[in-house]
C-alpha atoms as a PDB file:
ATOM      1  CA  MET A   1     -10.964  -2.435  -8.665  1.00  0.00           C
ATOM      2  CA  ASP A   2      -8.843  -2.966 -11.794  1.00  0.00           C
ATOM      3  CA  THR A   3      -5.892  -1.393  -9.993  1.00  0.00           C
ATOM      4  CA  TRP A   4      -6.314  -3.728  -7.019  1.00  0.00           C
ATOM      5  CA  ILE A   5      -6.570  -6.778  -9.287  1.00  0.00           C
ATOM      6  CA  LYS A   6      -3.434  -5.752 -11.166  1.00  0.00           C
ATOM      7  CA  LEU A   7      -1.457  -5.288  -7.952  1.00  0.00           C
ATOM      8  CA  ASN A   8      -2.785  -8.463  -6.372  1.00  0.00           C
ATOM      9  CA  ALA A   9      -2.069 -10.552  -9.478  1.00  0.00           C
ATOM     10  CA  SER A  10       1.710 -10.457  -9.057  1.00  0.00           C
ATOM     11  CA  THR A  11       4.060 -11.215  -6.183  1.00  0.00           C
ATOM     12  CA  THR A  12       5.833  -7.916  -6.828  1.00  0.00           C
ATOM     13  CA  GLY A  13       2.571  -5.989  -6.581  1.00  0.00           C
ATOM     14  CA  LYS A  14       1.664  -7.683  -3.299  1.00  0.00           C
ATOM     15  CA  ASP A  15       5.127  -6.998  -1.899  1.00  0.00           C
ATOM     16  CA  LYS A  16       4.857  -3.295  -2.770  1.00  0.00           C
ATOM     17  CA  LEU A  17       1.445  -3.053  -1.094  1.00  0.00           C
ATOM     18  CA  PHE A  18       2.661  -4.758   2.072  1.00  0.00           C
ATOM     19  CA  ARG A  19       5.799  -2.609   2.030  1.00  0.00           C
ATOM     20  CA  LEU A  20       3.634   0.516   1.848  1.00  0.00           C
ATOM     21  CA  VAL A  21       1.627  -0.608   4.886  1.00  0.00           C
ATOM     22  CA  GLN A  22       4.838  -1.535   6.730  1.00  0.00           C
ATOM     23  CA  TYR A  23       6.441   1.891   6.377  1.00  0.00           C
ATOM     24  CA  LEU A  24       3.157   3.725   6.892  1.00  0.00           C
ATOM     25  CA  SER A  25       2.865   1.858  10.188  1.00  0.00           C
ATOM     26  CA  ARG A  26       6.332   3.050  11.188  1.00  0.00           C
ATOM     27  CA  LEU A  27       5.504   6.631  10.237  1.00  0.00           C
ATOM     28  CA  LEU A  28       2.231   6.521  12.186  1.00  0.00           C
ATOM     29  CA  TRP A  29       3.602   5.011  15.399  1.00  0.00           C
ATOM     30  CA  TYR A  30       6.415   7.533  15.385  1.00  0.00           C
ATOM     31  CA  ARG A  31       3.917  10.398  15.069  1.00  0.00           C
ATOM     32  CA  LEU A  32       1.703   8.967  17.826  1.00  0.00           C
ATOM     33  CA  GLU A  33       4.484   7.860  20.178  1.00  0.00           C
ATOM     34  CA  SER A  34       4.483  11.068  22.220  1.00  0.00           C
ATOM     35  CA  ARG A  35       0.774  10.755  23.059  1.00  0.00           C
ATOM     36  CA  LYS A  36       0.490   8.712  26.229  1.00  0.00           C
ATOM     37  CA  HIS A  37      -3.193   7.880  25.762  1.00  0.00           C
ATOM     38  CA  LEU A  38      -2.376   6.168  22.434  1.00  0.00           C
ATOM     39  CA  ARG A  39       0.266   3.756  23.714  1.00  0.00           C
ATOM     40  CA  ASP A  40      -1.870   0.725  22.855  1.00  0.00           C
ATOM     41  CA  THR A  41      -2.269   1.990  19.293  1.00  0.00           C
ATOM     42  CA  VAL A  42       1.478   2.576  19.029  1.00  0.00           C
ATOM     43  CA  ASP A  43       2.179  -0.961  20.270  1.00  0.00           C
ATOM     44  CA  ARG A  44      -0.258  -2.423  17.731  1.00  0.00           C
ATOM     45  CA  LEU A  45       1.353  -0.439  14.912  1.00  0.00           C
ATOM     46  CA  ARG A  46       4.803  -1.657  15.971  1.00  0.00           C
ATOM     47  CA  VAL A  47       3.569  -5.251  15.967  1.00  0.00           C
ATOM     48  CA  LEU A  48       1.952  -4.713  12.557  1.00  0.00           C
ATOM     49  CA  GLU A  49       5.206  -3.325  11.145  1.00  0.00           C
ATOM     50  CA  ALA A  50       7.242  -6.257  12.484  1.00  0.00           C
ATOM     51  CA  SER A  51       4.692  -8.834  11.298  1.00  0.00           C
ATOM     52  CA  ILE A  52       4.567  -7.431   7.772  1.00  0.00           C
ATOM     53  CA  SER A  53       8.370  -7.275   7.650  1.00  0.00           C
ATOM     54  CA  THR A  54       8.547 -10.983   8.525  1.00  0.00           C
ATOM     55  CA  PHE A  55       5.793 -11.851   6.046  1.00  0.00           C
ATOM     56  CA  ARG A  56       7.570 -10.000   3.238  1.00  0.00           C
ATOM     57  CA  LYS A  57      10.716 -11.986   3.976  1.00  0.00           C
ATOM     58  CA  LEU A  58       8.640 -15.147   3.589  1.00  0.00           C
ATOM     59  CA  LEU A  59       7.302 -13.917   0.231  1.00  0.00           C
ATOM     60  CA  ARG A  60      10.874 -13.371  -0.971  1.00  0.00           C
ATOM     61  CA  LEU A  61      12.115 -16.870  -0.121  1.00  0.00           C
ATOM     62  CA  GLY A  62      13.978 -18.271  -3.123  1.00  0.00           C
ATOM     63  CA  LYS A  63      14.057 -14.956  -4.961  1.00  0.00           C
ATOM     64  CA  SER A  64      17.840 -14.788  -4.563  1.00  0.00           C
ATOM     65  CA  LEU A  65      18.171 -17.520  -7.214  1.00  0.00           C
ATOM     66  CA  GLU A  66      15.914 -15.561  -9.558  1.00  0.00           C
ATOM     67  CA  VAL A  67      18.105 -12.483  -9.099  1.00  0.00           C
ATOM     68  CA  VAL A  68      21.277 -14.487  -9.836  1.00  0.00           C
ATOM     69  CA  TYR A  69      19.679 -15.701 -13.050  1.00  0.00           C
ATOM     70  CA  GLY A  70      18.877 -12.088 -13.913  1.00  0.00           C
ATOM     71  CA  ALA A  71      22.524 -11.158 -13.357  1.00  0.00           C
ATOM     72  CA  LEU A  72      23.536 -13.746 -15.955  1.00  0.00           C
ATOM     73  CA  ARG A  73      21.271 -11.978 -18.460  1.00  0.00           C
ATOM     74  CA  THR A  74      22.625  -8.494 -17.749  1.00  0.00           C
ATOM     75  CA  LEU A  75      26.167  -9.749 -18.425  1.00  0.00           C
ATOM     76  CA  HIS A  76      25.288  -9.728 -22.126  1.00  0.00           C
ATOM     77  CA  LEU A  77      24.107  -6.104 -22.352  1.00  0.00           C
ATOM     78  CA  PRO A  78      26.037  -4.201 -25.048  1.00  0.00           C
ATOM     79  CA  ASP A  79      26.366  -0.973 -23.031  1.00  0.00           C
ATOM     80  CA  LEU A  80      29.359  -1.245 -20.668  1.00  0.00           C
ATOM     81  CA  VAL A  81      27.955   1.098 -18.007  1.00  0.00           C
ATOM     82  CA  LEU A  82      24.561  -0.625 -17.915  1.00  0.00           C
ATOM     83  CA  ARG A  83      26.182  -4.050 -17.984  1.00  0.00           C
ATOM     84  CA  THR A  84      28.449  -3.231 -15.043  1.00  0.00           C
ATOM     85  CA  SER A  85      25.961  -1.333 -12.872  1.00  0.00           C
ATOM     86  CA  LEU A  86      23.060  -3.737 -13.392  1.00  0.00           C
ATOM     87  CA  THR A  87      25.157  -6.868 -12.904  1.00  0.00           C
ATOM     88  CA  LEU A  88      26.753  -5.537  -9.715  1.00  0.00           C
ATOM     89  CA  SER A  89      23.341  -4.425  -8.478  1.00  0.00           C
ATOM     90  CA  ARG A  90      21.955  -7.924  -9.054  1.00  0.00           C
ATOM     91  CA  ILE A  91      24.898  -9.523  -7.249  1.00  0.00           C
ATOM     92  CA  TYR A  92      24.460  -7.230  -4.248  1.00  0.00           C
ATOM     93  CA  GLN A  93      20.715  -7.853  -4.302  1.00  0.00           C
ATOM     94  CA  ALA A  94      21.227 -11.617  -4.387  1.00  0.00           C
ATOM     95  CA  PHE A  95      23.443 -11.465  -1.281  1.00  0.00           C
ATOM     96  CA  PHE A  96      20.945  -9.121   0.378  1.00  0.00           C
ATOM     97  CA  LEU A  97      18.139 -11.597  -0.254  1.00  0.00           C
ATOM     98  CA  LEU A  98      20.278 -14.508   0.948  1.00  0.00           C
ATOM     99  CA  ALA A  99      20.883 -12.672   4.230  1.00  0.00           C
ATOM    100  CA  ASP A 100      17.169 -11.865   4.278  1.00  0.00           C
ATOM    101  CA  HIS A 101      16.330 -15.584   3.999  1.00  0.00           C
ATOM    102  CA  ILE A 102      18.618 -16.389   6.930  1.00  0.00           C
ATOM    103  CA  ILE A 103      17.047 -13.632   9.044  1.00  0.00           C
ATOM    104  CA  TRP A 104      13.599 -15.081   8.323  1.00  0.00           C
ATOM    105  CA  LEU A 105      14.782 -18.545   9.384  1.00  0.00           C
ATOM    106  CA  GLY A 106      15.959 -17.012  12.642  1.00  0.00           C
ATOM    107  CA  ARG A 107      12.690 -15.159  13.221  1.00  0.00           C
ATOM    108  CA  ALA A 108      10.716 -18.311  12.484  1.00  0.00           C
ATOM    109  CA  GLY A 109      12.735 -20.157  15.131  1.00  0.00           C
ATOM    110  CA  LEU A 110      14.113 -22.684  12.648  1.00  0.00           C
ATOM    111  CA  CYS A 111      17.732 -21.899  13.493  1.00  0.00           C
ATOM    112  CA  GLU A 112      19.817 -19.832  15.893  1.00  0.00           C
ATOM    113  CA  ILE A 113      21.461 -16.801  14.288  1.00  0.00           C
ATOM    114  CA  ASP A 114      23.127 -13.567  15.313  1.00  0.00           C
ATOM    115  CA  ARG A 115      20.338 -11.253  14.173  1.00  0.00           C
ATOM    116  CA  ASP A 116      22.370  -8.067  14.576  1.00  0.00           C
ATOM    117  CA  LYS A 117      25.217  -9.468  12.476  1.00  0.00           C
ATOM    118  CA  TRP A 118      22.949 -10.684   9.687  1.00  0.00           C
ATOM    119  CA  GLY A 119      20.911  -7.490   9.848  1.00  0.00           C
ATOM    120  CA  ARG A 120      24.053  -5.417   9.282  1.00  0.00           C
ATOM    121  CA  LEU A 121      25.141  -7.666   6.412  1.00  0.00           C
ATOM    122  CA  SER A 122      21.703  -7.410   4.843  1.00  0.00           C
ATOM    123  CA  ASN A 123      21.761  -3.607   5.018  1.00  0.00           C
ATOM    124  CA  ARG A 124      25.288  -3.434   3.579  1.00  0.00           C
ATOM    125  CA  PHE A 125      24.330  -5.528   0.574  1.00  0.00           C
ATOM    126  CA  TRP A 126      21.109  -3.534   0.146  1.00  0.00           C
ATOM    127  CA  LEU A 127      23.102  -0.290   0.267  1.00  0.00           C
ATOM    128  CA  GLY A 128      25.506  -1.603  -2.374  1.00  0.00           C
ATOM    129  CA  SER A 129      22.615  -2.499  -4.659  1.00  0.00           C
ATOM    130  CA  ILE A 130      21.017   0.940  -4.239  1.00  0.00           C
ATOM    131  CA  ILE A 131      24.299   2.737  -4.983  1.00  0.00           C
ATOM    132  CA  CYS A 132      24.684   0.736  -8.203  1.00  0.00           C
ATOM    133  CA  ASN A 133      21.095   1.568  -9.142  1.00  0.00           C
ATOM    134  CA  LEU A 134      21.671   5.272  -8.501  1.00  0.00           C
ATOM    135  CA  PHE A 135      24.827   5.156 -10.626  1.00  0.00           C
ATOM    136  CA  ARG A 136      22.704   3.696 -13.413  1.00  0.00           C
ATOM    137  CA  ASP A 137      20.043   6.410 -12.883  1.00  0.00           C
ATOM    138  CA  GLY A 138      22.709   9.101 -13.101  1.00  0.00           C
ATOM    139  CA  TYR A 139      23.992   7.568 -16.328  1.00  0.00           C
ATOM    140  CA  GLU A 140      20.470   7.505 -17.796  1.00  0.00           C
ATOM    141  CA  ILE A 141      19.914  11.155 -16.837  1.00  0.00           C
ATOM    142  CA  LEU A 142      23.255  12.133 -18.385  1.00  0.00           C
ATOM    143  CA  GLN A 143      22.288  10.344 -21.596  1.00  0.00           C
ATOM    144  CA  LEU A 144      18.968  12.215 -21.712  1.00  0.00           C
ATOM    145  CA  LEU A 145      20.677  15.564 -21.154  1.00  0.00           C
ATOM    146  CA  GLN A 146      23.149  14.831 -23.941  1.00  0.00           C
ATOM    147  CA  LYS A 147      20.281  14.000 -26.289  1.00  0.00           C
ATOM    148  CA  LYS A 148      18.546  17.218 -25.284  1.00  0.00           C
ATOM    149  CA  MET A 149      21.649  19.234 -26.147  1.00  0.00           C
ATOM    150  CA  LYS A 150      21.929  17.532 -29.541  1.00  0.00           C
ATOM    151  CA  HIS A 151      18.240  17.798 -30.354  1.00  0.00           C
ATOM    152  CA  THR A 152      16.876  21.045 -28.976  1.00  0.00           C
ATOM    153  CA  ASP A 153      13.413  20.141 -30.212  1.00  0.00           C
ATOM    154  CA  LEU A 154      13.216  17.242 -27.750  1.00  0.00           C
ATOM    155  CA  ILE A 155      11.639  19.534 -25.170  1.00  0.00           C
ATOM    156  CA  THR A 156       9.642  22.643 -26.039  1.00  0.00           C
ATOM    157  CA  ASN A 157       7.694  25.091 -23.943  1.00  0.00           C
ATOM    158  CA  ASN A 158       4.558  24.252 -25.921  1.00  0.00           C
ATOM    159  CA  THR A 159       4.631  20.582 -24.973  1.00  0.00           C
ATOM    160  CA  PRO A 160       1.582  19.813 -22.800  1.00  0.00           C
ATOM    161  CA  CYS A 161       2.141  18.595 -19.274  1.00  0.00           C
ATOM    162  CA  GLY A 162       1.590  14.851 -19.064  1.00  0.00           C
ATOM    163  CA  TYR A 163       0.519  14.892 -15.409  1.00  0.00           C
ATOM    164  CA  PRO A 164      -2.780  16.822 -15.604  1.00  0.00           C
ATOM    165  CA  THR A 165      -4.165  14.963 -12.587  1.00  0.00           C
ATOM    166  CA  LEU A 166      -1.431  16.285 -10.275  1.00  0.00           C
ATOM    167  CA  PRO A 167      -2.442  19.877  -9.355  1.00  0.00           C
ATOM    168  CA  LEU A 168       0.980  20.858  -8.012  1.00  0.00           C
ATOM    169  CA  VAL A 169       2.795  19.689 -11.147  1.00  0.00           C
ATOM    170  CA  ARG A 170       0.199  21.269 -13.430  1.00  0.00           C
ATOM    171  CA  THR A 171       0.420  24.600 -11.582  1.00  0.00           C
ATOM    172  CA  LEU A 172       4.219  24.530 -11.646  1.00  0.00           C
ATOM    173  CA  TYR A 173       4.165  23.826 -15.373  1.00  0.00           C
ATOM    174  CA  ARG A 174       1.790  26.703 -16.132  1.00  0.00           C
ATOM    175  CA  THR A 175       3.154  29.377 -13.816  1.00  0.00           C
ATOM    176  CA  VAL A 176       6.917  28.784 -13.985  1.00  0.00           C
ATOM    177  CA  PRO A 177       8.000  28.589 -17.646  1.00  0.00           C
ATOM    178  CA  SER A 178      11.615  27.915 -16.687  1.00  0.00           C
ATOM    179  CA  CYS A 179      10.520  24.628 -15.083  1.00  0.00           C
ATOM    180  CA  ARG A 180       8.684  23.383 -18.168  1.00  0.00           C
ATOM    181  CA  PRO A 181      11.674  21.590 -19.735  1.00  0.00           C
ATOM    182  CA  MET A 182      12.368  19.769 -16.466  1.00  0.00           C
ATOM    183  CA  VAL A 183       8.697  18.814 -15.965  1.00  0.00           C
ATOM    184  CA  THR A 184       8.324  17.678 -19.571  1.00  0.00           C
ATOM    185  CA  LEU A 185      11.553  15.679 -19.447  1.00  0.00           C
ATOM    186  CA  ALA A 186      10.387  13.994 -16.233  1.00  0.00           C
ATOM    187  CA  ASP A 187       7.047  13.144 -17.832  1.00  0.00           C
ATOM    188  CA  THR A 188       8.500  11.955 -21.125  1.00  0.00           C
ATOM    189  CA  HIS A 189      10.980   9.757 -19.284  1.00  0.00           C
ATOM    190  CA  ARG A 190       9.024   8.967 -16.143  1.00  0.00           C
ATOM    191  CA  ASP A 191      10.732   5.579 -15.968  1.00  0.00           C
ATOM    192  CA  VAL A 192      13.961   7.367 -15.025  1.00  0.00           C
ATOM    193  CA  LEU A 193      12.066   9.759 -12.742  1.00  0.00           C
ATOM    194  CA  TRP A 194      10.345   7.112 -10.616  1.00  0.00           C
ATOM    195  CA  ASP A 195      13.388   4.838 -10.473  1.00  0.00           C
ATOM    196  CA  THR A 196      15.512   7.738  -9.227  1.00  0.00           C
ATOM    197  CA  VAL A 197      12.896   8.787  -6.659  1.00  0.00           C
ATOM    198  CA  LYS A 198      12.603   5.218  -5.404  1.00  0.00           C
ATOM    199  CA  ASN A 199      16.358   4.701  -5.081  1.00  0.00           C
ATOM    200  CA  LEU A 200      17.012   8.082  -3.436  1.00  0.00           C
ATOM    201  CA  CYS A 201      14.342   7.393  -0.817  1.00  0.00           C
ATOM    202  CA  ASP A 202      15.527   3.821  -0.280  1.00  0.00           C
ATOM    203  CA  LEU A 203      19.102   5.052   0.196  1.00  0.00           C
ATOM    204  CA  CYS A 204      18.142   6.670   3.503  1.00  0.00           C
ATOM    205  CA  ILE A 205      16.965   3.391   5.052  1.00  0.00           C
ATOM    206  CA  PRO A 206      20.157   1.250   5.052  1.00  0.00           C
ATOM    207  CA  LEU A 207      22.277   4.345   5.755  1.00  0.00           C
ATOM    208  CA  THR A 208      20.234   4.916   8.914  1.00  0.00           C
ATOM    209  CA  ASN A 209      20.169   1.237   9.876  1.00  0.00           C
ATOM    210  CA  LEU A 210      23.968   1.089   9.597  1.00  0.00           C
ATOM    211  CA  GLY A 211      24.414   4.260  11.651  1.00  0.00           C
ATOM    212  CA  HIS A 212      25.844   6.391   8.826  1.00  0.00           C
ATOM    213  CA  THR A 213      22.994   8.892   9.208  1.00  0.00           C
ATOM    214  CA  GLN A 214      20.880   9.823  12.224  1.00  0.00           C
ATOM    215  CA  MET A 215      17.405   9.935  10.722  1.00  0.00           C
ATOM    216  CA  SER A 216      14.407   9.396  12.975  1.00  0.00           C
ATOM    217  CA  SER A 217      12.026   6.463  12.576  1.00  0.00           C
ATOM    218  CA  GLY A 218       9.490   8.961  11.235  1.00  0.00           C
ATOM    219  CA  VAL A 219      11.790  10.071   8.415  1.00  0.00           C
ATOM    220  CA  VAL A 220      12.651   6.453   7.609  1.00  0.00           C
ATOM    221  CA  GLY A 221       8.933   5.647   7.553  1.00  0.00           C
ATOM    222  CA  LEU A 222       8.268   8.589   5.232  1.00  0.00           C
ATOM    223  CA  MET A 223      11.095   7.654   2.855  1.00  0.00           C
ATOM    224  CA  GLY A 224       9.933   4.039   2.796  1.00  0.00           C
ATOM    225  CA  THR A 225       6.359   5.138   2.095  1.00  0.00           C
ATOM    226  CA  VAL A 226       7.401   7.353  -0.827  1.00  0.00           C
ATOM    227  CA  SER A 227       9.642   4.673  -2.345  1.00  0.00           C
ATOM    228  CA  SER A 228       6.835   2.112  -1.954  1.00  0.00           C
ATOM    229  CA  LEU A 229       4.405   4.418  -3.767  1.00  0.00           C
ATOM    230  CA  ALA A 230       6.981   4.856  -6.546  1.00  0.00           C
ATOM    231  CA  GLY A 231       7.273   1.068  -6.757  1.00  0.00           C
ATOM    232  CA  ILE A 232       3.490   0.705  -7.004  1.00  0.00           C
ATOM    233  CA  ILE A 233       3.383   3.259  -9.827  1.00  0.00           C
ATOM    234  CA  VAL A 234       5.992   1.216 -11.709  1.00  0.00           C
ATOM    235  CA  VAL A 235       3.863  -1.921 -11.322  1.00  0.00           C
ATOM    236  CA  LEU A 236       0.720  -0.150 -12.569  1.00  0.00           C
ATOM    237  CA  ASP A 237       2.269   1.916 -15.376  1.00  0.00           C
ATOM    238  CA  PRO A 238       4.369  -0.031 -17.928  1.00  0.00           C
ATOM    239  CA  LEU A 239       5.881   3.249 -19.194  1.00  0.00           C
ATOM    240  CA  ALA A 240       7.239   3.943 -15.698  1.00  0.00           C
ATOM    241  CA  ARG A 241       9.355   0.770 -15.692  1.00  0.00           C
ATOM    242  CA  LEU A 242      13.000   1.472 -16.468  1.00  0.00           C
ATOM    243  CA  ALA A 243      14.462  -0.975 -18.971  1.00  0.00           C
ATOM    244  CA  PRO A 244      16.606  -2.966 -19.126  1.00  0.00           C
ATOM    245  CA  THR A 245      16.253  -4.264 -15.572  1.00  0.00           C
END
């Protein structure tokens, strides 16, 4: 119940929950599409996916201005790489959200738009933002590896695994000693871990929408589901939030 309250208390938490349902719906209708006796269920799941997509666009109305304001803050970061990658990411995100607002206006019937054109623009700006975020993730990982080389005591084989509730991770940690540094590093810096997972999964979606990759709707649904779960973890766990943002 506390988890639900925490997610429901913020617009970001609500958006992540709806996003999870949206991509789960896509994954499910793709899996059920070949079964003729479930056509009604597939149609309902498609409608649910489209409805949630439109509702999420409504929730994001005006957020483009908030992102622009955030870009003004990142301009003052002392680290050149972080300053450049985060500012560019915010600029791309602001244009993505602006295109998103226009698409919602078209779906709501408030104006006539070329949906394909604005959809492509939206995906291009989203892709640009993700690439900048991944560049930042790579920089953060490189920094961590450099620290590890300078301070060999940063990660030791005796360090307990911080994910005892995940059986697969716990088993990997105990049975494969060579993986312990990687598992411990991921746990100690899970902000970098979850941000990288989220961005790598998100990368597949605009690439597919723009025709650069030929992933099925099922794969897109799976990637969106995983990235949504990573986003929910970030909302629930303060230590999983990568800073500065």
